[in-house]
Amino acid sequence: AAVLDMIDTPYVAWLNDDAVPDPSWLTELENAL
């Protein structure tokens, strides 16, 4: 919540600090939306 007003992109991703995404993770999510 503290940084939501700072977001200036169409999408915002939430990611735990103990999660390691595959290189195509964000692309797959963006393409789906």
PDB file of all heavy atoms in Angstrom:
ATOM      1  N   ALA A   1       0.819  -1.213   0.000  1.00  0.00           N
ATOM      2  CA  ALA A   1       0.000   0.000   0.000  1.00  0.00           C
ATOM      3  C   ALA A   1       0.857   1.268   0.000  1.00  0.00           C
ATOM      4  O   ALA A   1       0.475   2.284  -0.582  1.00  0.00           O
ATOM      5  CB  ALA A   1      -0.930  -0.001   1.207  1.00  0.00           C
ATOM      6  N   ALA A   2       2.018   1.199   0.646  1.00  0.00           N
ATOM      7  CA  ALA A   2       2.856   2.390   0.797  1.00  0.00           C
ATOM      8  C   ALA A   2       3.361   2.930  -0.532  1.00  0.00           C
ATOM      9  O   ALA A   2       3.670   4.129  -0.639  1.00  0.00           O
ATOM     10  CB  ALA A   2       4.035   2.077   1.722  1.00  0.00           C
ATOM     11  N   VAL A   3       3.469   2.075  -1.551  1.00  0.00           N
ATOM     12  CA  VAL A   3       4.052   2.530  -2.818  1.00  0.00           C
ATOM     13  C   VAL A   3       3.050   2.533  -3.974  1.00  0.00           C
ATOM     14  O   VAL A   3       3.428   2.822  -5.104  1.00  0.00           O
ATOM     15  CB  VAL A   3       5.280   1.670  -3.203  1.00  0.00           C
ATOM     16  CG1 VAL A   3       6.379   1.833  -2.163  1.00  0.00           C
ATOM     17  CG2 VAL A   3       4.909   0.211  -3.388  1.00  0.00           C
ATOM     18  N   LEU A   4       1.782   2.222  -3.710  1.00  0.00           N
ATOM     19  CA  LEU A   4       0.824   2.148  -4.813  1.00  0.00           C
ATOM     20  C   LEU A   4       0.723   3.461  -5.573  1.00  0.00           C
ATOM     21  O   LEU A   4       0.605   3.474  -6.811  1.00  0.00           O
ATOM     22  CB  LEU A   4      -0.553   1.719  -4.285  1.00  0.00           C
ATOM     23  CG  LEU A   4      -1.648   1.535  -5.334  1.00  0.00           C
ATOM     24  CD1 LEU A   4      -1.222   0.534  -6.405  1.00  0.00           C
ATOM     25  CD2 LEU A   4      -2.954   1.099  -4.674  1.00  0.00           C
ATOM     26  N   ASP A   5       0.798   4.575  -4.875  1.00  0.00           N
ATOM     27  CA  ASP A   5       0.708   5.875  -5.542  1.00  0.00           C
ATOM     28  C   ASP A   5       1.930   6.178  -6.405  1.00  0.00           C
ATOM     29  O   ASP A   5       1.890   7.083  -7.253  1.00  0.00           O
ATOM     30  CB  ASP A   5       0.528   6.993  -4.512  1.00  0.00           C
ATOM     31  CG  ASP A   5      -0.865   7.014  -3.913  1.00  0.00           C
ATOM     32  OD1 ASP A   5      -1.761   6.361  -4.477  1.00  0.00           O
ATOM     33  OD2 ASP A   5      -1.051   7.666  -2.870  1.00  0.00           O
ATOM     34  N   MET A   6       3.000   5.423  -6.226  1.00  0.00           N
ATOM     35  CA  MET A   6       4.215   5.636  -7.001  1.00  0.00           C
ATOM     36  C   MET A   6       4.196   4.898  -8.337  1.00  0.00           C
ATOM     37  O   MET A   6       5.051   5.123  -9.189  1.00  0.00           O
ATOM     38  CB  MET A   6       5.445   5.174  -6.201  1.00  0.00           C
ATOM     39  CG  MET A   6       5.699   5.936  -4.918  1.00  0.00           C
ATOM     40  SD  MET A   6       7.045   5.187  -3.947  1.00  0.00           S
ATOM     41  CE  MET A   6       8.384   5.196  -5.145  1.00  0.00           C
ATOM     42  N   ILE A   7       3.240   3.985  -8.504  1.00  0.00           N
ATOM     43  CA  ILE A   7       3.213   3.147  -9.698  1.00  0.00           C
ATOM     44  C   ILE A   7       2.693   3.953 -10.891  1.00  0.00           C
ATOM     45  O   ILE A   7       1.601   4.534 -10.837  1.00  0.00           O
ATOM     46  CB  ILE A   7       2.326   1.905  -9.481  1.00  0.00           C
ATOM     47  CG1 ILE A   7       2.711   1.177  -8.179  1.00  0.00           C
ATOM     48  CG2 ILE A   7       2.405   0.979 -10.682  1.00  0.00           C
ATOM     49  CD1 ILE A   7       4.129   0.721  -8.120  1.00  0.00           C
ATOM     50  N   ASP A   8       3.476   3.997 -11.988  1.00  0.00           N
ATOM     51  CA  ASP A   8       3.065   4.737 -13.178  1.00  0.00           C
ATOM     52  C   ASP A   8       3.006   3.842 -14.407  1.00  0.00           C
ATOM     53  O   ASP A   8       3.017   4.330 -15.551  1.00  0.00           O
ATOM     54  CB  ASP A   8       4.001   5.922 -13.423  1.00  0.00           C
ATOM     55  CG  ASP A   8       5.460   5.505 -13.573  1.00  0.00           C
ATOM     56  OD1 ASP A   8       5.745   4.283 -13.543  1.00  0.00           O
ATOM     57  OD2 ASP A   8       6.322   6.399 -13.717  1.00  0.00           O
ATOM     58  N   THR A   9       2.934   2.524 -14.192  1.00  0.00           N
ATOM     59  CA  THR A   9       2.825   1.562 -15.281  1.00  0.00           C
ATOM     60  C   THR A   9       1.425   0.949 -15.288  1.00  0.00           C
ATOM     61  O   THR A   9       0.734   0.959 -14.266  1.00  0.00           O
ATOM     62  CB  THR A   9       3.869   0.439 -15.109  1.00  0.00           C
ATOM     63  OG1 THR A   9       3.769  -0.090 -13.775  1.00  0.00           O
ATOM     64  CG2 THR A   9       5.281   0.957 -15.333  1.00  0.00           C
ATOM     65  N   PRO A  10       0.982   0.400 -16.429  1.00  0.00           N
ATOM     66  CA  PRO A  10      -0.358  -0.195 -16.484  1.00  0.00           C
ATOM     67  C   PRO A  10      -0.555  -1.365 -15.532  1.00  0.00           C
ATOM     68  O   PRO A  10      -1.674  -1.617 -15.075  1.00  0.00           O
ATOM     69  CB  PRO A  10      -0.486  -0.653 -17.942  1.00  0.00           C
ATOM     70  CG  PRO A  10       0.513   0.148 -18.700  1.00  0.00           C
ATOM     71  CD  PRO A  10       1.642   0.413 -17.745  1.00  0.00           C
ATOM     72  N   TYR A  11       0.530  -2.085 -15.235  1.00  0.00           N
ATOM     73  CA  TYR A  11       0.438  -3.254 -14.376  1.00  0.00           C
ATOM     74  C   TYR A  11       1.354  -3.109 -13.164  1.00  0.00           C
ATOM     75  O   TYR A  11       2.406  -2.461 -13.233  1.00  0.00           O
ATOM     76  CB  TYR A  11       0.847  -4.533 -15.120  1.00  0.00           C
ATOM     77  CG  TYR A  11       0.038  -4.818 -16.372  1.00  0.00           C
ATOM     78  CD1 TYR A  11       0.673  -4.976 -17.604  1.00  0.00           C
ATOM     79  CD2 TYR A  11      -1.349  -4.927 -16.319  1.00  0.00           C
ATOM     80  CE1 TYR A  11      -0.052  -5.241 -18.752  1.00  0.00           C
ATOM     81  CE2 TYR A  11      -2.083  -5.193 -17.460  1.00  0.00           C
ATOM     82  CZ  TYR A  11      -1.441  -5.350 -18.679  1.00  0.00           C
ATOM     83  OH  TYR A  11      -2.173  -5.605 -19.808  1.00  0.00           O
ATOM     84  N   VAL A  12       0.930  -3.743 -12.069  1.00  0.00           N
ATOM     85  CA  VAL A  12       1.779  -3.818 -10.883  1.00  0.00           C
ATOM     86  C   VAL A  12       1.844  -5.276 -10.437  1.00  0.00           C
ATOM     87  O   VAL A  12       0.816  -5.953 -10.336  1.00  0.00           O
ATOM     88  CB  VAL A  12       1.264  -2.908  -9.741  1.00  0.00           C
ATOM     89  CG1 VAL A  12      -0.185  -3.213  -9.368  1.00  0.00           C
ATOM     90  CG2 VAL A  12       2.170  -3.008  -8.516  1.00  0.00           C
ATOM     91  N   ALA A  13       3.046  -5.761 -10.227  1.00  0.00           N
ATOM     92  CA  ALA A  13       3.249  -7.143  -9.784  1.00  0.00           C
ATOM     93  C   ALA A  13       3.565  -7.159  -8.302  1.00  0.00           C
ATOM     94  O   ALA A  13       4.320  -6.317  -7.801  1.00  0.00           O
ATOM     95  CB  ALA A  13       4.384  -7.796 -10.570  1.00  0.00           C
ATOM     96  N   TRP A  14       2.970  -8.109  -7.597  1.00  0.00           N
ATOM     97  CA  TRP A  14       3.319  -8.391  -6.209  1.00  0.00           C
ATOM     98  C   TRP A  14       4.213  -9.616  -6.218  1.00  0.00           C
ATOM     99  O   TRP A  14       3.865 -10.644  -6.824  1.00  0.00           O
ATOM    100  CB  TRP A  14       2.074  -8.693  -5.374  1.00  0.00           C
ATOM    101  CG  TRP A  14       1.061  -7.613  -5.293  1.00  0.00           C
ATOM    102  CD1 TRP A  14       1.092  -6.382  -5.886  1.00  0.00           C
ATOM    103  CD2 TRP A  14      -0.178  -7.663  -4.575  1.00  0.00           C
ATOM    104  NE1 TRP A  14      -0.029  -5.661  -5.578  1.00  0.00           N
ATOM    105  CE2 TRP A  14      -0.829  -6.423  -4.780  1.00  0.00           C
ATOM    106  CE3 TRP A  14      -0.792  -8.620  -3.774  1.00  0.00           C
ATOM    107  CZ2 TRP A  14      -2.078  -6.124  -4.208  1.00  0.00           C
ATOM    108  CZ3 TRP A  14      -2.034  -8.335  -3.211  1.00  0.00           C
ATOM    109  CH2 TRP A  14      -2.662  -7.106  -3.414  1.00  0.00           C
ATOM    110  N   LEU A  15       5.352  -9.531  -5.541  1.00  0.00           N
ATOM    111  CA  LEU A  15       6.284 -10.666  -5.515  1.00  0.00           C
ATOM    112  C   LEU A  15       6.927 -10.774  -4.150  1.00  0.00           C
ATOM    113  O   LEU A  15       7.516  -9.812  -3.644  1.00  0.00           O
ATOM    114  CB  LEU A  15       7.366 -10.488  -6.589  1.00  0.00           C
ATOM    115  CG  LEU A  15       8.334 -11.668  -6.752  1.00  0.00           C
ATOM    116  CD1 LEU A  15       7.603 -12.912  -7.262  1.00  0.00           C
ATOM    117  CD2 LEU A  15       9.481 -11.298  -7.690  1.00  0.00           C
ATOM    118  N   ASN A  16       6.802 -11.949  -3.542  1.00  0.00           N
ATOM    119  CA  ASN A  16       7.453 -12.190  -2.259  1.00  0.00           C
ATOM    120  C   ASN A  16       8.970 -12.123  -2.411  1.00  0.00           C
ATOM    121  O   ASN A  16       9.515 -12.523  -3.446  1.00  0.00           O
ATOM    122  CB  ASN A  16       7.074 -13.567  -1.712  1.00  0.00           C
ATOM    123  CG  ASN A  16       5.724 -13.584  -1.036  1.00  0.00           C
ATOM    124  OD1 ASN A  16       5.025 -12.577  -1.002  1.00  0.00           O
ATOM    125  ND2 ASN A  16       5.350 -14.726  -0.505  1.00  0.00           N
ATOM    126  N   ASP A  17       9.642 -11.690  -1.353  1.00  0.00           N
ATOM    127  CA  ASP A  17      11.096 -11.578  -1.423  1.00  0.00           C
ATOM    128  C   ASP A  17      11.795 -12.928  -1.374  1.00  0.00           C
ATOM    129  O   ASP A  17      12.996 -13.023  -1.640  1.00  0.00           O
ATOM    130  CB  ASP A  17      11.626 -10.667  -0.309  1.00  0.00           C
ATOM    131  CG  ASP A  17      11.409 -11.227   1.085  1.00  0.00           C
ATOM    132  OD1 ASP A  17      10.623 -12.183   1.248  1.00  0.00           O
ATOM    133  OD2 ASP A  17      12.021 -10.688   2.044  1.00  0.00           O
ATOM    134  N   ASP A  18      11.057 -14.004  -1.053  1.00  0.00           N
ATOM    135  CA  ASP A  18      11.632 -15.347  -1.047  1.00  0.00           C
ATOM    136  C   ASP A  18      11.150 -16.163  -2.236  1.00  0.00           C
ATOM    137  O   ASP A  18      11.184 -17.394  -2.216  1.00  0.00           O
ATOM    138  CB  ASP A  18      11.321 -16.070   0.265  1.00  0.00           C
ATOM    139  CG  ASP A  18       9.835 -16.109   0.593  1.00  0.00           C
ATOM    140  OD1 ASP A  18       9.030 -15.608  -0.219  1.00  0.00           O
ATOM    141  OD2 ASP A  18       9.476 -16.633   1.665  1.00  0.00           O
ATOM    142  N   ALA A  19      10.709 -15.470  -3.302  1.00  0.00           N
ATOM    143  CA  ALA A  19      10.276 -16.123  -4.528  1.00  0.00           C
ATOM    144  C   ALA A  19      11.279 -15.837  -5.643  1.00  0.00           C
ATOM    145  O   ALA A  19      11.807 -14.724  -5.746  1.00  0.00           O
ATOM    146  CB  ALA A  19       8.887 -15.630  -4.938  1.00  0.00           C
ATOM    147  N   VAL A  20      11.519 -16.840  -6.463  1.00  0.00           N
ATOM    148  CA  VAL A  20      12.471 -16.711  -7.571  1.00  0.00           C
ATOM    149  C   VAL A  20      11.737 -17.018  -8.876  1.00  0.00           C
ATOM    150  O   VAL A  20      11.430 -18.179  -9.161  1.00  0.00           O
ATOM    151  CB  VAL A  20      13.666 -17.674  -7.390  1.00  0.00           C
ATOM    152  CG1 VAL A  20      14.639 -17.535  -8.565  1.00  0.00           C
ATOM    153  CG2 VAL A  20      14.378 -17.394  -6.064  1.00  0.00           C
ATOM    154  N   PRO A  21      11.415 -16.005  -9.666  1.00  0.00           N
ATOM    155  CA  PRO A  21      10.649 -16.233 -10.896  1.00  0.00           C
ATOM    156  C   PRO A  21      11.509 -16.720 -12.062  1.00  0.00           C
ATOM    157  O   PRO A  21      12.679 -16.359 -12.173  1.00  0.00           O
ATOM    158  CB  PRO A  21      10.070 -14.847 -11.194  1.00  0.00           C
ATOM    159  CG  PRO A  21      11.062 -13.895 -10.596  1.00  0.00           C
ATOM    160  CD  PRO A  21      11.618 -14.578  -9.378  1.00  0.00           C
ATOM    161  N   ASP A  22      10.892 -17.548 -12.911  1.00  0.00           N
ATOM    162  CA  ASP A  22      11.531 -17.916 -14.170  1.00  0.00           C
ATOM    163  C   ASP A  22      11.729 -16.663 -15.032  1.00  0.00           C
ATOM    164  O   ASP A  22      10.998 -15.674 -14.876  1.00  0.00           O
ATOM    165  CB  ASP A  22      10.644 -18.902 -14.941  1.00  0.00           C
ATOM    166  CG  ASP A  22      10.680 -20.307 -14.381  1.00  0.00           C
ATOM    167  OD1 ASP A  22      11.416 -20.544 -13.397  1.00  0.00           O
ATOM    168  OD2 ASP A  22       9.956 -21.176 -14.924  1.00  0.00           O
ATOM    169  N   PRO A  23      12.678 -16.697 -15.978  1.00  0.00           N
ATOM    170  CA  PRO A  23      12.929 -15.511 -16.809  1.00  0.00           C
ATOM    171  C   PRO A  23      11.714 -15.034 -17.603  1.00  0.00           C
ATOM    172  O   PRO A  23      11.599 -13.844 -17.886  1.00  0.00           O
ATOM    173  CB  PRO A  23      14.053 -15.973 -17.740  1.00  0.00           C
ATOM    174  CG  PRO A  23      14.763 -17.052 -16.969  1.00  0.00           C
ATOM    175  CD  PRO A  23      13.693 -17.754 -16.195  1.00  0.00           C
ATOM    176  N   SER A  24      10.805 -15.938 -17.934  1.00  0.00           N
ATOM    177  CA  SER A  24       9.628 -15.553 -18.722  1.00  0.00           C
ATOM    178  C   SER A  24       8.409 -15.270 -17.859  1.00  0.00           C
ATOM    179  O   SER A  24       7.316 -15.038 -18.394  1.00  0.00           O
ATOM    180  CB  SER A  24       9.287 -16.672 -19.719  1.00  0.00           C
ATOM    181  OG  SER A  24       8.970 -17.872 -19.028  1.00  0.00           O
ATOM    182  N   TRP A  25       8.578 -15.278 -16.524  1.00  0.00           N
ATOM    183  CA  TRP A  25       7.445 -15.123 -15.595  1.00  0.00           C
ATOM    184  C   TRP A  25       6.613 -13.877 -15.889  1.00  0.00           C
ATOM    185  O   TRP A  25       5.401 -13.954 -16.108  1.00  0.00           O
ATOM    186  CB  TRP A  25       7.979 -15.073 -14.157  1.00  0.00           C
ATOM    187  CG  TRP A  25       6.989 -14.626 -13.135  1.00  0.00           C
ATOM    188  CD1 TRP A  25       5.914 -15.329 -12.670  1.00  0.00           C
ATOM    189  CD2 TRP A  25       6.974 -13.366 -12.435  1.00  0.00           C
ATOM    190  NE1 TRP A  25       5.225 -14.584 -11.723  1.00  0.00           N
ATOM    191  CE2 TRP A  25       5.860 -13.389 -11.564  1.00  0.00           C
ATOM    192  CE3 TRP A  25       7.789 -12.240 -12.452  1.00  0.00           C
ATOM    193  CZ2 TRP A  25       5.539 -12.318 -10.725  1.00  0.00           C
ATOM    194  CZ3 TRP A  25       7.478 -11.170 -11.624  1.00  0.00           C
ATOM    195  CH2 TRP A  25       6.367 -11.215 -10.779  1.00  0.00           C
ATOM    196  N   LEU A  26       7.247 -12.741 -15.923  1.00  0.00           N
ATOM    197  CA  LEU A  26       6.515 -11.492 -16.098  1.00  0.00           C
ATOM    198  C   LEU A  26       5.912 -11.398 -17.498  1.00  0.00           C
ATOM    199  O   LEU A  26       4.772 -10.931 -17.671  1.00  0.00           O
ATOM    200  CB  LEU A  26       7.433 -10.297 -15.822  1.00  0.00           C
ATOM    201  CG  LEU A  26       6.767  -8.927 -15.763  1.00  0.00           C
ATOM    202  CD1 LEU A  26       5.645  -8.887 -14.730  1.00  0.00           C
ATOM    203  CD2 LEU A  26       7.803  -7.843 -15.455  1.00  0.00           C
ATOM    204  N   THR A  27       6.633 -11.860 -18.505  1.00  0.00           N
ATOM    205  CA  THR A  27       6.112 -11.849 -19.867  1.00  0.00           C
ATOM    206  C   THR A  27       4.835 -12.668 -19.977  1.00  0.00           C
ATOM    207  O   THR A  27       3.862 -12.248 -20.621  1.00  0.00           O
ATOM    208  CB  THR A  27       7.170 -12.400 -20.846  1.00  0.00           C
ATOM    209  OG1 THR A  27       8.329 -11.582 -20.782  1.00  0.00           O
ATOM    210  CG2 THR A  27       6.641 -12.419 -22.275  1.00  0.00           C
ATOM    211  N   GLU A  28       4.829 -13.842 -19.351  1.00  0.00           N
ATOM    212  CA  GLU A  28       3.644 -14.703 -19.409  1.00  0.00           C
ATOM    213  C   GLU A  28       2.441 -14.010 -18.755  1.00  0.00           C
ATOM    214  O   GLU A  28       1.316 -14.072 -19.274  1.00  0.00           O
ATOM    215  CB  GLU A  28       3.933 -16.035 -18.709  1.00  0.00           C
ATOM    216  CG  GLU A  28       4.990 -16.894 -19.377  1.00  0.00           C
ATOM    217  CD  GLU A  28       4.509 -17.543 -20.664  1.00  0.00           C
ATOM    218  OE1 GLU A  28       3.315 -17.399 -21.011  1.00  0.00           O
ATOM    219  OE2 GLU A  28       5.339 -18.183 -21.344  1.00  0.00           O
ATOM    220  N   LEU A  29       2.649 -13.370 -17.635  1.00  0.00           N
ATOM    221  CA  LEU A  29       1.552 -12.686 -16.948  1.00  0.00           C
ATOM    222  C   LEU A  29       1.049 -11.498 -17.773  1.00  0.00           C
ATOM    223  O   LEU A  29      -0.167 -11.285 -17.910  1.00  0.00           O
ATOM    224  CB  LEU A  29       2.001 -12.223 -15.566  1.00  0.00           C
ATOM    225  CG  LEU A  29       2.306 -13.318 -14.534  1.00  0.00           C
ATOM    226  CD1 LEU A  29       2.854 -12.692 -13.254  1.00  0.00           C
ATOM    227  CD2 LEU A  29       1.066 -14.148 -14.227  1.00  0.00           C
ATOM    228  N   GLU A  30       1.978 -10.717 -18.294  1.00  0.00           N
ATOM    229  CA  GLU A  30       1.581  -9.558 -19.107  1.00  0.00           C
ATOM    230  C   GLU A  30       0.802 -10.001 -20.347  1.00  0.00           C
ATOM    231  O   GLU A  30      -0.240  -9.408 -20.688  1.00  0.00           O
ATOM    232  CB  GLU A  30       2.821  -8.765 -19.523  1.00  0.00           C
ATOM    233  CG  GLU A  30       3.487  -8.021 -18.383  1.00  0.00           C
ATOM    234  CD  GLU A  30       4.764  -7.337 -18.795  1.00  0.00           C
ATOM    235  OE1 GLU A  30       5.322  -7.690 -19.867  1.00  0.00           O
ATOM    236  OE2 GLU A  30       5.230  -6.442 -18.068  1.00  0.00           O
ATOM    237  N   ASN A  31       1.295 -11.018 -21.030  1.00  0.00           N
ATOM    238  CA  ASN A  31       0.613 -11.498 -22.232  1.00  0.00           C
ATOM    239  C   ASN A  31      -0.795 -11.986 -21.908  1.00  0.00           C
ATOM    240  O   ASN A  31      -1.739 -11.781 -22.681  1.00  0.00           O
ATOM    241  CB  ASN A  31       1.420 -12.616 -22.894  1.00  0.00           C
ATOM    242  CG  ASN A  31       2.685 -12.112 -23.558  1.00  0.00           C
ATOM    243  OD1 ASN A  31       2.847 -10.907 -23.790  1.00  0.00           O
ATOM    244  ND2 ASN A  31       3.591 -13.023 -23.874  1.00  0.00           N
ATOM    245  N   ALA A  32      -0.954 -12.635 -20.766  1.00  0.00           N
ATOM    246  CA  ALA A  32      -2.264 -13.156 -20.374  1.00  0.00           C
ATOM    247  C   ALA A  32      -3.252 -12.020 -20.142  1.00  0.00           C
ATOM    248  O   ALA A  32      -4.403 -12.082 -20.595  1.00  0.00           O
ATOM    249  CB  ALA A  32      -2.124 -14.017 -19.124  1.00  0.00           C
ATOM    250  N   LEU A  33      -2.835 -10.971 -19.443  1.00  0.00           N
ATOM    251  CA  LEU A  33      -3.739  -9.848 -19.194  1.00  0.00           C
ATOM    252  C   LEU A  33      -3.990  -9.031 -20.459  1.00  0.00           C
ATOM    253  O   LEU A  33      -5.088  -8.499 -20.648  1.00  0.00           O
ATOM    254  CB  LEU A  33      -3.186  -8.956 -18.081  1.00  0.00           C
ATOM    255  CG  LEU A  33      -3.243  -9.546 -16.667  1.00  0.00           C
ATOM    256  CD1 LEU A  33      -2.739  -8.523 -15.638  1.00  0.00           C
ATOM    257  CD2 LEU A  33      -4.654  -9.998 -16.300  1.00  0.00           C
TER     258      LEU A  33
END
